[in-house]
Protein backbone atom coordinates (compact mmCIF):
# COMPACT_ATOMS: atom_id res chain seq x y z
CA MET A 1 302.78 228.54 -3.44
CA THR A 2 299.35 229.51 -2.11
CA LYS A 3 300.31 230.26 1.49
CA GLU A 4 303.26 230.92 3.74
CA GLU A 5 304.95 227.84 5.20
CA ILE A 6 307.65 226.93 7.70
CA LEU A 7 310.20 224.57 6.15
CA THR A 8 313.35 222.89 7.44
CA GLY A 9 316.41 221.85 5.49
CA LEU A 10 317.84 218.74 7.15
CA ASP A 11 321.37 217.60 6.31
CA ILE A 12 321.88 214.22 7.98
CA GLY A 13 325.64 213.78 7.72
CA THR A 14 328.14 211.14 8.81
CA THR A 15 329.64 213.27 11.56
CA ARG A 16 327.07 216.04 12.08
CA THR A 17 323.37 216.68 11.46
CA CYS A 18 322.43 220.25 10.53
CA ALA A 19 318.93 221.77 10.54
CA VAL A 20 317.95 225.16 9.09
CA VAL A 21 314.44 226.51 9.73
CA SER A 22 313.00 228.96 7.21
CA ARG A 23 309.84 230.86 6.37
CA VAL A 24 308.77 230.64 2.73
CA ASP A 25 306.26 233.27 1.60
CA LYS A 26 303.65 233.04 -1.18
CA GLU A 27 306.17 234.30 -3.76
CA GLY A 28 308.70 231.64 -2.78
CA SER A 29 311.06 234.05 -1.01
CA ILE A 30 313.01 232.29 1.75
CA GLU A 31 313.92 233.81 5.10
CA ILE A 32 316.04 231.77 7.50
CA LEU A 33 314.74 231.96 11.06
CA GLY A 34 317.07 229.64 12.94
CA PHE A 35 319.52 226.79 12.73
CA GLY A 36 321.12 224.09 14.86
CA SER A 37 323.46 221.13 14.64
CA SER A 38 324.34 218.02 16.61
CA PRO A 39 327.00 215.31 16.33
CA THR A 40 325.59 212.23 14.60
CA SER A 41 327.71 210.06 16.95
CA GLY A 42 327.97 206.82 15.02
CA GLY A 43 324.55 207.05 13.42
CA LEU A 44 325.96 206.90 9.88
CA ARG A 45 328.95 205.40 8.14
CA LYS A 46 330.02 206.84 4.79
CA GLY A 47 326.66 208.59 4.52
CA VAL A 48 324.51 205.50 5.23
CA ILE A 49 322.43 205.09 8.40
CA ILE A 50 323.74 202.22 10.55
CA ASN A 51 322.31 203.18 13.96
CA LEU A 52 318.72 204.42 13.99
CA GLU A 53 318.66 205.52 17.62
CA ASN A 54 321.74 207.74 17.33
CA THR A 55 320.50 209.22 14.06
CA VAL A 56 317.08 210.06 15.52
CA ARG A 57 318.73 211.65 18.56
CA ALA A 58 320.96 213.83 16.36
CA ILE A 59 317.96 214.98 14.29
CA GLU A 60 315.94 215.79 17.41
CA GLU A 61 318.78 217.79 18.97
CA ALA A 62 319.59 219.74 15.80
CA VAL A 63 315.93 220.56 15.12
CA GLU A 64 315.32 221.53 18.76
CA LYS A 65 318.18 224.05 18.63
CA ALA A 66 316.87 225.48 15.34
CA GLU A 67 313.32 225.70 16.70
CA GLU A 68 314.51 227.49 19.83
CA MET A 69 316.36 230.08 17.77
CA ALA A 70 313.47 230.51 15.33
CA ASP A 71 310.79 230.45 18.05
CA VAL A 72 308.61 228.21 15.87
CA LYS A 73 307.59 224.55 15.86
CA VAL A 74 308.79 222.54 12.88
CA LYS A 75 306.56 219.96 11.19
CA GLU A 76 308.04 219.33 7.71
CA SER A 77 311.53 218.86 6.35
CA ILE A 78 313.45 218.61 3.11
CA ALA A 79 316.15 216.00 3.71
CA ASN A 80 319.27 214.94 1.85
CA VAL A 81 320.20 211.50 0.59
CA GLY A 82 323.77 210.50 -0.17
CA GLY A 83 326.27 207.89 0.84
CA ILE A 84 328.77 205.66 -0.83
CA TYR A 85 326.08 203.54 -2.51
CA LEU A 86 324.56 206.43 -4.49
CA LYS A 87 325.38 205.93 -8.20
CA GLY A 88 325.01 208.32 -11.12
CA ILE A 89 324.64 207.35 -14.78
CA ASN A 90 323.74 209.12 -18.02
CA SER A 91 320.81 207.82 -20.04
CA SER A 92 318.64 208.84 -22.98
CA GLY A 93 315.18 208.28 -24.42
CA SER A 94 313.58 208.70 -27.83
CA ARG A 95 310.06 209.00 -29.21
CA LYS A 96 308.63 209.42 -32.71
CA ILE A 97 305.76 211.89 -33.13
CA THR A 98 303.05 210.04 -35.06
CA ARG A 99 300.20 212.57 -34.92
CA GLY A 100 299.38 214.37 -38.10
CA ASN A 101 300.07 217.89 -36.87
CA LYS A 102 303.54 216.84 -35.51
CA GLU A 103 303.15 219.16 -32.53
CA ILE A 104 305.02 217.96 -29.44
CA ALA A 105 302.64 217.64 -26.48
CA LYS A 106 303.20 217.20 -22.75
CA GLY A 107 302.48 213.51 -23.13
CA ASP A 108 305.31 213.16 -25.65
CA VAL A 109 307.77 214.77 -23.25
CA LYS A 110 306.59 212.49 -20.47
CA SER A 111 306.92 209.42 -22.70
CA VAL A 112 310.45 210.25 -23.79
CA MET A 113 311.45 210.97 -20.18
CA ASP A 114 309.90 207.67 -19.13
CA ALA A 115 311.91 205.92 -21.85
CA SER A 116 315.14 207.39 -20.48
CA CYS A 117 314.42 205.68 -17.15
CA ALA A 118 313.68 202.27 -18.69
CA LEU A 119 316.86 200.65 -17.39
CA THR A 120 317.66 197.29 -15.89
CA ILE A 121 318.72 198.00 -12.32
CA PRO A 122 319.25 195.70 -9.30
CA LEU A 123 316.12 194.77 -7.36
CA ASP A 124 317.37 196.49 -4.22
CA GLN A 125 317.99 199.78 -6.07
CA GLU A 126 315.68 202.50 -7.36
CA ILE A 127 315.99 205.73 -9.30
CA ILE A 128 316.13 208.53 -6.74
CA PHE A 129 316.59 211.57 -8.93
CA ILE A 130 316.43 212.48 -12.61
CA SER A 131 318.15 215.57 -14.00
CA PRO A 132 317.38 216.48 -17.64
CA GLN A 133 320.46 217.58 -19.59
CA GLU A 134 318.97 218.51 -22.96
CA TYR A 135 316.15 217.80 -25.38
CA ILE A 136 316.73 217.13 -29.06
CA VAL A 137 314.10 217.71 -31.73
CA ASP A 138 314.82 216.34 -35.23
CA GLY A 139 318.55 216.46 -34.52
CA HIS A 140 318.52 220.02 -33.14
CA ASP A 141 320.19 219.71 -29.73
CA GLY A 142 320.84 222.05 -26.81
CA ILE A 143 317.16 222.59 -25.95
CA LYS A 144 317.03 223.14 -22.18
CA GLU A 145 313.28 223.33 -21.53
CA PRO A 146 310.60 220.75 -22.51
CA PRO A 147 309.85 221.53 -26.20
CA VAL A 148 306.06 221.53 -25.83
CA GLY A 149 304.33 223.12 -28.83
CA ILE A 150 307.30 222.75 -31.18
CA LEU A 151 306.71 220.85 -34.42
CA GLY A 152 308.90 217.84 -35.02
CA GLU A 153 309.13 214.26 -36.23
CA ASN A 154 311.30 212.95 -33.36
CA ILE A 155 312.03 213.99 -29.80
CA ASP A 156 314.98 212.75 -27.74
CA VAL A 157 316.16 213.54 -24.23
CA LYS A 158 319.46 213.10 -22.41
CA VAL A 159 319.35 212.81 -18.63
CA HIS A 160 321.52 212.09 -15.61
CA LEU A 161 320.03 209.57 -13.20
CA LEU A 162 320.95 209.01 -9.57
CA MET A 163 320.17 205.59 -8.12
CA GLY A 164 320.42 204.32 -4.59
CA ALA A 165 319.42 201.55 -2.22
CA ILE A 166 315.70 201.41 -1.44
CA THR A 167 316.44 200.66 2.21
CA SER A 168 318.67 203.75 2.50
CA MET A 169 315.73 205.98 1.53
CA GLN A 170 313.43 204.10 3.89
CA ASN A 171 315.84 204.50 6.81
CA ILE A 172 316.11 208.24 6.19
CA VAL A 173 312.34 208.62 6.20
CA LYS A 174 311.95 206.41 9.28
CA SER A 175 314.55 208.30 11.30
CA ILE A 176 312.99 211.67 10.47
CA ASN A 177 309.49 210.41 11.26
CA LEU A 178 310.68 209.00 14.60
CA ALA A 179 312.12 212.45 15.37
CA GLY A 180 308.62 213.86 14.96
CA LEU A 181 308.82 215.37 11.47
CA ARG A 182 307.16 214.70 8.15
CA VAL A 183 309.31 214.38 5.04
CA LYS A 184 308.21 216.73 2.28
CA ASN A 185 310.94 215.69 -0.12
CA ILE A 186 314.34 214.01 -0.30
CA ILE A 187 317.07 215.50 -2.50
CA PRO A 188 320.60 214.22 -3.21
CA GLY A 189 322.96 216.18 -0.98
CA ILE A 190 325.12 217.31 -3.90
CA PHE A 191 322.09 219.19 -5.29
CA GLY A 192 321.69 220.97 -1.97
CA SER A 193 325.29 222.15 -2.26
CA ARG A 194 324.77 223.08 -5.91
CA LEU A 195 321.79 225.33 -5.08
CA ALA A 196 323.59 226.96 -2.17
CA VAL A 197 327.04 227.69 -3.58
CA LEU A 198 327.09 227.65 -7.40
CA ASP A 199 326.27 230.61 -9.67
CA GLU A 200 324.32 229.92 -12.86
CA GLU A 201 327.29 231.40 -14.73
CA GLU A 202 329.53 228.70 -13.26
CA VAL A 203 327.08 225.92 -14.12
CA GLU A 204 326.79 227.20 -17.68
CA ASN A 205 330.53 227.59 -18.29
CA GLY A 206 331.68 224.34 -16.70
CA VAL A 207 332.46 223.64 -13.05
CA VAL A 208 333.20 220.70 -10.78
CA LEU A 209 331.59 220.83 -7.36
CA ILE A 210 333.51 218.91 -4.68
CA ASP A 211 331.62 218.48 -1.41
CA ILE A 212 333.95 216.95 1.20
CA GLY A 213 331.90 215.82 4.17
CA GLY A 214 332.60 213.64 7.16
CA GLY A 215 332.26 210.26 5.47
CA THR A 216 332.27 210.87 1.73
CA THR A 217 333.40 213.25 -0.99
CA ASP A 218 330.64 214.00 -3.52
CA ILE A 219 331.72 215.05 -7.02
CA ALA A 220 329.39 216.70 -9.54
CA ILE A 221 330.39 218.08 -12.94
CA PHE A 222 328.22 220.69 -14.66
CA VAL A 223 328.74 221.73 -18.30
CA LYS A 224 326.52 223.98 -20.43
CA GLY A 225 324.01 224.28 -17.61
CA ALA A 226 323.53 220.54 -17.17
CA LEU A 227 324.67 217.91 -14.68
CA ILE A 228 326.75 215.50 -16.72
CA HIS A 229 328.58 213.39 -14.11
CA THR A 230 328.41 212.44 -10.43
CA HIS A 231 330.59 210.19 -8.30
CA ILE A 232 330.91 209.45 -4.58
CA LEU A 233 334.27 208.74 -2.94
CA GLY A 234 334.28 206.88 0.38
CA LEU A 235 336.75 209.35 1.89
CA GLY A 236 336.16 212.44 3.99
CA GLY A 237 336.87 214.19 7.25
CA GLU A 238 336.51 211.02 9.32
CA GLN A 239 339.45 209.44 7.53
CA ILE A 240 341.57 212.53 8.14
CA THR A 241 340.70 212.44 11.84
CA GLY A 242 341.47 208.71 11.95
CA ASP A 243 344.88 209.27 10.38
CA ILE A 244 345.66 211.93 12.99
CA ALA A 245 344.55 209.67 15.85
CA ILE A 246 346.88 206.90 14.64
CA GLY A 247 349.79 209.22 13.94
CA LEU A 248 349.55 211.04 17.27
CA ARG A 249 348.41 208.00 19.29
CA SER A 250 345.34 209.85 20.51
CA SER A 251 341.59 209.35 20.81
CA GLN A 252 339.29 210.31 17.91
CA GLU A 253 337.86 213.17 19.98
CA VAL A 254 341.29 214.68 20.67
CA ALA A 255 342.34 214.18 17.04
CA GLU A 256 339.25 216.04 15.82
CA ARG A 257 339.91 218.94 18.19
CA ILE A 258 343.56 219.19 17.18
CA LYS A 259 342.64 219.01 13.49
CA LYS A 260 340.33 222.01 13.82
CA GLU A 261 342.67 224.00 16.04
CA TYR A 262 346.01 223.48 14.30
CA GLY A 263 345.25 221.76 11.01
CA CYS A 264 346.44 222.93 7.60
CA ALA A 265 346.30 221.12 4.26
CA TYR A 266 349.22 222.79 2.50
CA SER A 267 352.87 222.46 3.49
CA LEU A 268 353.87 225.83 2.04
CA VAL A 269 351.72 227.66 4.61
CA PRO A 270 353.88 228.64 7.64
CA GLN A 271 353.62 225.89 10.29
CA GLU A 272 355.51 226.61 13.48
CA GLY A 273 355.07 225.45 17.05
CA GLU A 274 353.94 222.30 18.82
CA PHE A 275 351.00 221.06 20.88
CA GLU A 276 350.30 218.60 23.68
CA VAL A 277 348.41 215.36 23.12
CA PRO A 278 346.97 213.59 26.20
CA GLY A 279 348.05 209.96 26.42
CA LEU A 280 345.53 207.15 26.14
CA GLY A 281 344.48 205.15 29.20
CA GLY A 282 346.21 207.43 31.69
CA ARG A 283 349.55 207.40 29.89
CA ALA A 284 351.79 210.45 29.85
CA SER A 285 351.12 213.25 27.39
CA ASN A 286 353.24 213.70 24.29
CA PHE A 287 354.23 216.76 22.30
CA PHE A 288 354.09 216.90 18.51
CA SER A 289 355.00 219.56 15.99
CA VAL A 290 352.37 221.36 13.93
CA MET A 291 354.38 220.42 10.83
CA MET A 292 354.01 216.69 11.58
CA LEU A 293 350.25 217.10 12.07
CA ASN A 294 349.86 218.89 8.79
CA GLU A 295 351.91 216.34 6.88
CA ILE A 296 349.33 213.77 7.99
CA ILE A 297 346.43 216.00 6.94
CA GLN A 298 347.96 216.93 3.61
CA ALA A 299 348.64 213.30 2.67
CA ARG A 300 344.97 212.32 2.99
CA ILE A 301 343.57 215.44 1.32
CA GLU A 302 346.08 215.01 -1.50
CA GLU A 303 344.71 211.50 -1.99
CA ILE A 304 341.16 212.85 -2.21
CA PHE A 305 342.07 215.47 -4.82
CA GLU A 306 344.10 212.98 -6.85
CA LEU A 307 341.04 210.72 -6.98
CA VAL A 308 338.86 213.69 -7.96
CA LYS A 309 341.34 214.59 -10.70
CA ALA A 310 341.27 211.03 -12.05
CA GLU A 311 337.46 211.01 -12.01
CA VAL A 312 337.26 214.30 -13.90
CA LYS A 313 339.79 213.10 -16.46
CA LYS A 314 337.81 209.90 -16.96
CA THR A 315 334.79 211.93 -18.13
CA GLY A 316 336.80 213.78 -20.79
CA TYR A 317 335.44 217.16 -19.63
CA GLU A 318 338.57 218.44 -17.87
CA ASP A 319 339.21 221.07 -20.56
CA LEU A 320 335.63 222.40 -20.41
CA LEU A 321 335.65 223.49 -16.77
CA SER A 322 336.17 227.21 -17.33
CA ALA A 323 334.80 228.07 -13.88
CA GLY A 324 337.18 225.62 -12.21
CA ALA A 325 336.29 223.85 -8.98
CA VAL A 326 334.15 224.84 -6.00
CA LEU A 327 334.76 223.22 -2.61
CA SER A 328 332.01 222.76 -0.03
CA GLY A 329 331.40 220.60 3.05
CA GLY A 330 333.04 220.82 6.45
CA VAL A 331 336.52 219.81 5.24
CA ALA A 332 336.53 222.87 2.95
CA ASN A 333 337.16 224.91 6.12
CA THR A 334 340.68 223.44 6.40
CA ARG A 335 343.37 226.08 6.07
CA GLY A 336 345.38 225.83 2.87
CA ILE A 337 342.91 223.54 1.11
CA SER A 338 342.34 225.95 -1.78
CA GLU A 339 346.06 226.14 -2.50
CA LEU A 340 346.46 222.36 -2.40
CA ALA A 341 343.39 221.79 -4.59
CA GLY A 342 344.64 224.30 -7.16
CA GLU A 343 348.06 222.70 -7.29
CA ILE A 344 346.67 219.20 -7.89
CA LEU A 345 343.60 219.90 -10.02
CA LYS A 346 345.22 222.68 -12.08
CA LEU A 347 341.95 224.63 -11.89
CA PRO A 348 340.87 227.94 -10.33
CA ILE A 349 339.46 227.15 -6.87
CA LYS A 350 336.69 228.78 -4.85
CA ILE A 351 335.36 227.91 -1.39
CA GLY A 352 331.59 227.55 -1.75
CA LEU A 353 329.63 229.61 0.78
CA PRO A 354 325.80 229.57 1.05
CA LYS A 355 324.11 232.50 -0.65
CA ASN A 356 320.92 233.77 -2.28
CA ILE A 357 318.87 233.36 0.88
CA LYS A 358 317.63 236.17 3.09
CA THR A 359 319.09 235.41 6.52
CA GLY A 360 319.27 238.73 8.33
CA GLU A 361 321.59 238.91 11.33
CA ILE A 362 322.52 235.22 11.41
CA LEU A 363 324.10 235.28 7.96
CA GLY A 364 327.65 235.35 9.35
CA GLU A 365 327.31 232.06 11.23
CA LEU A 366 325.80 230.26 8.23
CA ASN A 367 328.40 231.72 5.89
CA ASN A 368 330.29 228.45 6.10
CA PRO A 369 330.70 225.60 3.57
CA GLU A 370 329.59 223.12 6.27
CA TRP A 371 326.05 224.54 5.97
CA ALA A 372 325.86 224.35 2.17
CA VAL A 373 323.63 221.27 1.93
CA ALA A 374 321.17 222.28 4.67
CA THR A 375 320.63 225.78 3.29
CA GLY A 376 320.54 224.65 -0.33
CA LEU A 377 317.81 222.08 0.38
CA LEU A 378 315.48 224.97 1.18
CA ARG A 379 315.66 225.94 -2.50
CA TYR A 380 314.60 222.49 -3.72
CA SER A 381 311.85 224.01 -5.88
CA ASP A 382 314.56 225.67 -8.03
CA ILE A 383 315.96 222.31 -9.14
CA LYS A 384 315.43 221.55 -12.82
CA GLY A 385 314.99 217.90 -12.07
CA PHE A 386 312.80 215.55 -10.13
CA SER A 387 313.13 213.63 -6.89
CA PHE A 388 311.34 210.30 -6.99
CA PHE A 389 310.52 210.37 -3.30
CA ALA A 390 306.83 209.54 -2.83
CA LYS A 391 304.61 206.73 -1.67
CA SER A 392 303.49 205.81 -5.17
CA THR A 393 304.58 203.96 -8.29
CA PHE A 394 307.32 205.20 -10.61
CA SER A 395 304.74 206.14 -13.28
CA GLU A 396 302.55 208.04 -10.81
CA ARG A 397 305.55 209.99 -9.51
CA LEU A 398 306.58 210.91 -13.03
CA LYS A 399 303.05 212.10 -13.79
CA ARG A 400 303.06 214.28 -10.69
CA TRP A 401 306.35 215.83 -11.74
CA PHE A 402 304.99 216.79 -15.16
CA LYS A 403 301.84 218.21 -13.63
CA ASN A 404 303.94 220.43 -11.37
CA PHE A 405 306.54 221.21 -14.03
CA PHE A 406 304.02 222.60 -16.50
């Protein structure tokens, strides 16, 4: 980086939009200056924008709060992309070195990476992100960095690709632009969480990251330093709140408040007392026990972890996750969730808190799994992968990545 810049991490979520304003110096050191959040209020469903006006309003309000705290004006943002329609697949590419000296050049690495993306995908979809897993030269695998300069007959690459709807990306960009900001880059939300909460030791030794947000649960499995599997579940905090509203015959707003005030995900945690629930439409209030509330919460979170367990087992990597599971997202704040996750997943559990960013006095308030994506996006330059966000062709974007990478 040639000069200092002001950058904003923007996590546009199903239930809440979070903005974190930072100063990035010439050496790439990040200092958080301010932050703010606002309810998305029906702007998204399961991570996909369905109401542009509400989404724009949430972005404006969150950014305004962050600007006021930081005492700066924001112009650019790094935003997240996610949602139920985001799909991850593994792919590979191969290239034979035909030059006489057999030395692998940048062009060879680009060609083999390009070959890994030569897939038949639906017309309304595009590759959003590519994450290299390993390079292989003449059968020698486990090479993490582009093998430029190495002599070889053949070069192969294994990658993990994330694909999504073209219109989803366009709606994200449009909403941010309408809120008065430019979009510097768009990164899958699970990578924001990964940069904020995972240690390199965890990524190297095997870990599953489970980000439980308002509308979706994002799953990412890392083994030997590489992303090897992603999956999005259409379940999150909204479904838990909806279950409570039905069970207690309350409004969504009251159910959300009660969930945060009394909620617990694990039945073995002491659960005494009761609370009052205002009746709907002027009806009389009712009283319910905390135990009943938490039975409702536990049932839905159990379902989420059972689905996560099945997804991990499907990959065949369940025995390679030495670092266990890390939970992030707003639902990770639920009392007892670590105990329940450990019981179901049979893995050591950690709540993922943002780290590795200089935040000064406001660290305590951001030390919350709900802020993982927004803070992690600020470290987008640390990602060993490439976002295909740009107003250019696929080939031009890939060329730009290699120019920056080397």
